[in-house]
Amino acid sequence: MKRILIIDDEEDLCVLMRAYLQPLQFDVHLAFTLRDGLQKARELSPDILFLDNNLPDGLGWDTVGQLRALLPHSKINLMSAFTHPPQELENIPSVKFLEKPISLSTLKSFL
């Protein structure tokens, strides 16, 4: 079973994503702060990571380099309703951008 970690302070979105992904046989974990998300990433080594940018304790996208080093085989999906990723993040093959609001059909294509 593949493991997914969602790091986003929008708790309702996280719960909805988990409710959609669990029946698809994913082991889904949630973090609502960057600090908690980084700790869970270390503990869980998720196969897929959904990472919001604007978190209460920092900018998630600033940690992409750290996450790539920590999780070299994980897919990282950057999420935001307000901005697109910097160009240097667009050129990393295992990093993709997901624009909010998220539809279920779009979400499925990022797994």
N, C-alpha and C. Protein backbone atom coordinates (compact mmCIF):
# COMPACT_ATOMS: atom_id res chain seq x y z
N MET A 1 0.85 -1.18 0.00
CA MET A 1 0.00 0.00 0.00
C MET A 1 0.89 1.24 0.00
N LYS A 2 0.64 2.14 -0.95
CA LYS A 2 1.43 3.36 -1.02
C LYS A 2 0.99 4.33 0.07
N ARG A 3 1.99 5.07 0.56
CA ARG A 3 1.76 6.02 1.64
C ARG A 3 1.77 7.45 1.09
N ILE A 4 0.78 8.23 1.51
CA ILE A 4 0.66 9.63 1.11
C ILE A 4 0.70 10.51 2.35
N LEU A 5 1.44 11.63 2.26
CA LEU A 5 1.44 12.64 3.29
C LEU A 5 0.92 13.94 2.68
N ILE A 6 -0.08 14.53 3.32
CA ILE A 6 -0.63 15.81 2.89
C ILE A 6 -0.27 16.84 3.94
N ILE A 7 0.47 17.89 3.52
CA ILE A 7 0.84 18.97 4.43
C ILE A 7 0.11 20.23 3.96
N ASP A 8 -0.91 20.60 4.70
CA ASP A 8 -1.74 21.75 4.33
C ASP A 8 -2.51 22.19 5.57
N ASP A 9 -2.61 23.50 5.78
CA ASP A 9 -3.32 24.00 6.95
C ASP A 9 -4.83 24.09 6.74
N GLU A 10 -5.30 23.80 5.54
CA GLU A 10 -6.74 23.75 5.29
C GLU A 10 -7.23 22.36 5.68
N GLU A 11 -7.63 22.22 6.93
CA GLU A 11 -7.99 20.91 7.46
C GLU A 11 -9.13 20.26 6.70
N ASP A 12 -10.11 21.04 6.27
CA ASP A 12 -11.24 20.47 5.51
C ASP A 12 -10.75 19.84 4.21
N LEU A 13 -9.86 20.52 3.51
CA LEU A 13 -9.31 19.98 2.26
C LEU A 13 -8.56 18.68 2.54
N CYS A 14 -7.76 18.66 3.58
CA CYS A 14 -7.01 17.45 3.92
C CYS A 14 -7.93 16.28 4.20
N VAL A 15 -8.97 16.53 4.96
CA VAL A 15 -9.92 15.47 5.31
C VAL A 15 -10.64 14.97 4.06
N LEU A 16 -11.02 15.87 3.18
CA LEU A 16 -11.68 15.47 1.92
C LEU A 16 -10.74 14.66 1.03
N MET A 17 -9.49 15.10 0.94
CA MET A 17 -8.51 14.35 0.14
C MET A 17 -8.31 12.96 0.72
N ARG A 18 -8.19 12.86 2.04
CA ARG A 18 -8.02 11.56 2.68
C ARG A 18 -9.24 10.67 2.42
N ALA A 19 -10.44 11.24 2.52
CA ALA A 19 -11.67 10.46 2.29
C ALA A 19 -11.73 9.94 0.86
N TYR A 20 -11.17 10.67 -0.09
CA TYR A 20 -11.14 10.22 -1.47
C TYR A 20 -10.05 9.17 -1.70
N LEU A 21 -8.89 9.36 -1.08
CA LEU A 21 -7.73 8.51 -1.35
C LEU A 21 -7.73 7.18 -0.61
N GLN A 22 -8.26 7.13 0.59
CA GLN A 22 -8.23 5.88 1.35
C GLN A 22 -8.97 4.73 0.66
N PRO A 23 -10.15 4.95 0.09
CA PRO A 23 -10.80 3.85 -0.62
C PRO A 23 -10.03 3.38 -1.87
N LEU A 24 -9.08 4.21 -2.34
CA LEU A 24 -8.24 3.82 -3.47
C LEU A 24 -7.01 3.04 -3.00
N GLN A 25 -7.04 2.62 -1.72
CA GLN A 25 -5.99 1.80 -1.12
C GLN A 25 -4.68 2.56 -0.88
N PHE A 26 -4.79 3.82 -0.46
CA PHE A 26 -3.63 4.59 -0.03
C PHE A 26 -3.66 4.74 1.48
N ASP A 27 -2.49 4.72 2.09
CA ASP A 27 -2.33 4.98 3.51
C ASP A 27 -2.06 6.49 3.64
N VAL A 28 -3.04 7.25 4.09
CA VAL A 28 -2.98 8.71 4.05
C VAL A 28 -2.75 9.29 5.44
N HIS A 29 -1.77 10.20 5.52
CA HIS A 29 -1.43 10.89 6.75
C HIS A 29 -1.53 12.39 6.52
N LEU A 30 -1.90 13.12 7.57
CA LEU A 30 -2.12 14.56 7.47
C LEU A 30 -1.21 15.32 8.42
N ALA A 31 -0.79 16.50 7.97
CA ALA A 31 -0.05 17.44 8.82
C ALA A 31 -0.57 18.84 8.48
N PHE A 32 -0.79 19.64 9.51
CA PHE A 32 -1.39 20.96 9.30
C PHE A 32 -0.39 22.09 9.47
N THR A 33 0.86 21.76 9.82
CA THR A 33 1.94 22.76 9.90
C THR A 33 3.16 22.20 9.19
N LEU A 34 4.05 23.08 8.83
CA LEU A 34 5.28 22.67 8.17
C LEU A 34 6.15 21.84 9.11
N ARG A 35 6.25 22.27 10.33
CA ARG A 35 7.07 21.54 11.31
C ARG A 35 6.57 20.11 11.49
N ASP A 36 5.27 19.95 11.68
CA ASP A 36 4.69 18.61 11.83
C ASP A 36 4.86 17.81 10.54
N GLY A 37 4.69 18.47 9.41
CA GLY A 37 4.84 17.79 8.12
C GLY A 37 6.24 17.26 7.89
N LEU A 38 7.25 18.06 8.23
CA LEU A 38 8.63 17.61 8.07
C LEU A 38 8.93 16.43 9.00
N GLN A 39 8.41 16.49 10.21
CA GLN A 39 8.62 15.38 11.15
C GLN A 39 7.95 14.10 10.62
N LYS A 40 6.72 14.22 10.14
CA LYS A 40 6.02 13.05 9.61
C LYS A 40 6.70 12.53 8.34
N ALA A 41 7.24 13.43 7.52
CA ALA A 41 7.96 13.00 6.32
C ALA A 41 9.16 12.14 6.71
N ARG A 42 9.89 12.55 7.75
CA ARG A 42 11.04 11.77 8.23
C ARG A 42 10.59 10.40 8.74
N GLU A 43 9.51 10.38 9.50
CA GLU A 43 9.04 9.14 10.11
C GLU A 43 8.41 8.17 9.10
N LEU A 44 7.65 8.72 8.15
CA LEU A 44 6.83 7.89 7.27
C LEU A 44 7.46 7.54 5.93
N SER A 45 8.38 8.38 5.45
CA SER A 45 8.94 8.22 4.10
C SER A 45 7.83 7.97 3.09
N PRO A 46 6.94 8.94 2.89
CA PRO A 46 5.81 8.73 1.99
C PRO A 46 6.23 8.55 0.53
N ASP A 47 5.42 7.82 -0.20
CA ASP A 47 5.66 7.65 -1.63
C ASP A 47 5.24 8.91 -2.40
N ILE A 48 4.19 9.57 -1.88
CA ILE A 48 3.64 10.76 -2.52
C ILE A 48 3.41 11.82 -1.45
N LEU A 49 3.79 13.04 -1.77
CA LEU A 49 3.64 14.15 -0.84
C LEU A 49 2.86 15.27 -1.53
N PHE A 50 1.83 15.77 -0.87
CA PHE A 50 1.11 16.95 -1.32
C PHE A 50 1.50 18.06 -0.35
N LEU A 51 2.09 19.15 -0.87
CA LEU A 51 2.66 20.20 -0.04
C LEU A 51 2.11 21.56 -0.42
N ASP A 52 1.41 22.18 0.52
CA ASP A 52 0.93 23.55 0.32
C ASP A 52 2.09 24.52 0.51
N ASN A 53 1.96 25.72 -0.03
CA ASN A 53 3.01 26.71 0.12
C ASN A 53 2.82 27.54 1.38
N ASN A 54 1.66 28.15 1.53
CA ASN A 54 1.42 29.06 2.65
C ASN A 54 0.93 28.30 3.87
N LEU A 55 1.85 28.04 4.78
CA LEU A 55 1.54 27.33 6.01
C LEU A 55 1.74 28.27 7.19
N PRO A 56 1.12 28.00 8.32
CA PRO A 56 1.20 28.93 9.44
C PRO A 56 2.61 29.19 9.95
N ASP A 57 3.51 28.23 9.77
CA ASP A 57 4.86 28.37 10.29
C ASP A 57 5.94 28.45 9.21
N GLY A 58 5.54 28.78 7.98
CA GLY A 58 6.54 28.96 6.93
C GLY A 58 6.01 28.64 5.55
N LEU A 59 6.89 28.79 4.58
CA LEU A 59 6.54 28.50 3.19
C LEU A 59 6.97 27.08 2.85
N GLY A 60 6.00 26.26 2.55
CA GLY A 60 6.29 24.86 2.25
C GLY A 60 7.25 24.68 1.10
N TRP A 61 7.08 25.48 0.07
CA TRP A 61 7.90 25.29 -1.12
C TRP A 61 9.38 25.58 -0.88
N ASP A 62 9.68 26.35 0.16
CA ASP A 62 11.08 26.60 0.51
C ASP A 62 11.77 25.35 1.03
N THR A 63 10.99 24.31 1.35
CA THR A 63 11.57 23.08 1.89
C THR A 63 11.73 21.99 0.83
N VAL A 64 11.44 22.31 -0.43
CA VAL A 64 11.51 21.27 -1.47
C VAL A 64 12.89 20.65 -1.56
N GLY A 65 13.95 21.45 -1.48
CA GLY A 65 15.30 20.90 -1.53
C GLY A 65 15.56 19.94 -0.38
N GLN A 66 15.14 20.33 0.81
CA GLN A 66 15.29 19.49 2.00
C GLN A 66 14.47 18.20 1.84
N LEU A 67 13.26 18.32 1.33
CA LEU A 67 12.41 17.14 1.14
C LEU A 67 12.96 16.22 0.05
N ARG A 68 13.53 16.78 -1.02
CA ARG A 68 14.11 15.96 -2.08
C ARG A 68 15.27 15.13 -1.52
N ALA A 69 16.08 15.77 -0.65
CA ALA A 69 17.20 15.05 -0.04
C ALA A 69 16.71 13.96 0.91
N LEU A 70 15.67 14.27 1.65
CA LEU A 70 15.10 13.34 2.63
C LEU A 70 14.32 12.21 1.96
N LEU A 71 13.62 12.55 0.87
CA LEU A 71 12.72 11.60 0.19
C LEU A 71 13.06 11.54 -1.30
N PRO A 72 14.23 11.03 -1.66
CA PRO A 72 14.66 11.09 -3.06
C PRO A 72 13.77 10.34 -4.05
N HIS A 73 12.98 9.38 -3.58
CA HIS A 73 12.15 8.59 -4.48
C HIS A 73 10.67 8.97 -4.42
N SER A 74 10.35 9.98 -3.64
CA SER A 74 8.95 10.39 -3.49
C SER A 74 8.54 11.37 -4.58
N LYS A 75 7.27 11.29 -4.96
CA LYS A 75 6.68 12.31 -5.82
C LYS A 75 6.26 13.46 -4.92
N ILE A 76 6.59 14.68 -5.32
CA ILE A 76 6.20 15.85 -4.55
C ILE A 76 5.25 16.69 -5.40
N ASN A 77 4.06 16.93 -4.87
CA ASN A 77 3.05 17.73 -5.56
C ASN A 77 2.87 19.02 -4.77
N LEU A 78 3.24 20.13 -5.40
CA LEU A 78 3.10 21.44 -4.78
C LEU A 78 1.69 21.95 -5.04
N MET A 79 1.07 22.52 -4.00
CA MET A 79 -0.31 23.00 -4.14
C MET A 79 -0.38 24.48 -3.75
N SER A 80 -1.18 25.24 -4.50
CA SER A 80 -1.44 26.63 -4.12
C SER A 80 -2.59 27.17 -4.94
N ALA A 81 -3.32 28.09 -4.33
CA ALA A 81 -4.39 28.80 -5.04
C ALA A 81 -3.89 30.16 -5.49
N PHE A 82 -2.75 30.59 -5.00
CA PHE A 82 -2.32 31.97 -5.19
C PHE A 82 -1.14 32.16 -6.13
N THR A 83 -0.31 31.18 -6.29
CA THR A 83 0.92 31.39 -7.04
C THR A 83 1.35 30.11 -7.75
N HIS A 84 2.16 30.28 -8.74
CA HIS A 84 2.77 29.14 -9.43
C HIS A 84 4.19 28.96 -8.88
N PRO A 85 4.73 27.76 -8.97
CA PRO A 85 6.06 27.53 -8.39
C PRO A 85 7.13 28.30 -9.14
N PRO A 86 8.21 28.64 -8.43
CA PRO A 86 9.35 29.27 -9.10
C PRO A 86 9.90 28.36 -10.19
N GLN A 87 10.52 28.95 -11.17
CA GLN A 87 11.01 28.20 -12.32
C GLN A 87 11.94 27.06 -11.92
N GLU A 88 12.78 27.28 -10.92
CA GLU A 88 13.72 26.21 -10.52
C GLU A 88 13.00 24.98 -9.99
N LEU A 89 11.79 25.14 -9.45
CA LEU A 89 11.02 23.99 -8.99
C LEU A 89 10.28 23.30 -10.14
N GLU A 90 10.01 24.02 -11.20
CA GLU A 90 9.31 23.44 -12.35
C GLU A 90 10.18 22.47 -13.13
N ASN A 91 11.48 22.55 -12.96
CA ASN A 91 12.40 21.73 -13.75
C ASN A 91 12.83 20.44 -13.07
N ILE A 92 12.24 20.13 -11.92
CA ILE A 92 12.56 18.90 -11.21
C ILE A 92 11.52 17.85 -11.61
N PRO A 93 11.94 16.75 -12.24
CA PRO A 93 10.98 15.78 -12.78
C PRO A 93 9.99 15.21 -11.76
N SER A 94 10.39 14.99 -10.53
CA SER A 94 9.49 14.37 -9.56
C SER A 94 8.68 15.41 -8.77
N VAL A 95 8.73 16.67 -9.19
CA VAL A 95 7.97 17.74 -8.54
C VAL A 95 6.96 18.29 -9.53
N LYS A 96 5.68 18.29 -9.13
CA LYS A 96 4.62 18.80 -10.00
C LYS A 96 3.80 19.84 -9.25
N PHE A 97 3.07 20.65 -10.01
CA PHE A 97 2.26 21.71 -9.43
C PHE A 97 0.78 21.40 -9.60
N LEU A 98 0.04 21.59 -8.53
CA LEU A 98 -1.40 21.32 -8.49
C LEU A 98 -2.09 22.60 -8.03
N GLU A 99 -2.90 23.18 -8.91
CA GLU A 99 -3.56 24.45 -8.60
C GLU A 99 -4.88 24.20 -7.87
N LYS A 100 -5.08 24.94 -6.77
CA LYS A 100 -6.33 24.88 -6.03
C LYS A 100 -7.33 25.83 -6.68
N PRO A 101 -8.61 25.54 -6.65
CA PRO A 101 -9.26 24.39 -6.04
C PRO A 101 -8.96 23.12 -6.83
N ILE A 102 -8.97 22.01 -6.14
CA ILE A 102 -8.59 20.72 -6.69
C ILE A 102 -9.83 19.90 -6.99
N SER A 103 -9.90 19.39 -8.21
CA SER A 103 -11.00 18.47 -8.54
C SER A 103 -10.51 17.04 -8.31
N LEU A 104 -11.42 16.13 -8.10
CA LEU A 104 -11.04 14.74 -7.86
C LEU A 104 -10.36 14.13 -9.07
N SER A 105 -10.81 14.47 -10.26
CA SER A 105 -10.16 13.91 -11.46
C SER A 105 -8.73 14.43 -11.60
N THR A 106 -8.52 15.69 -11.24
CA THR A 106 -7.16 16.25 -11.26
C THR A 106 -6.30 15.57 -10.21
N LEU A 107 -6.84 15.40 -9.02
CA LEU A 107 -6.11 14.77 -7.93
C LEU A 107 -5.63 13.38 -8.33
N LYS A 108 -6.48 12.63 -8.96
CA LYS A 108 -6.14 11.25 -9.36
C LYS A 108 -4.95 11.22 -10.32
N SER A 109 -4.81 12.24 -11.16
CA SER A 109 -3.71 12.27 -12.12
C SER A 109 -2.36 12.58 -11.46
N PHE A 110 -2.36 12.97 -10.19
CA PHE A 110 -1.12 13.30 -9.48
C PHE A 110 -0.65 12.17 -8.56
N LEU A 111 -1.27 11.00 -8.69
CA LEU A 111 -0.89 9.89 -7.82
C LEU A 111 0.22 9.06 -8.38
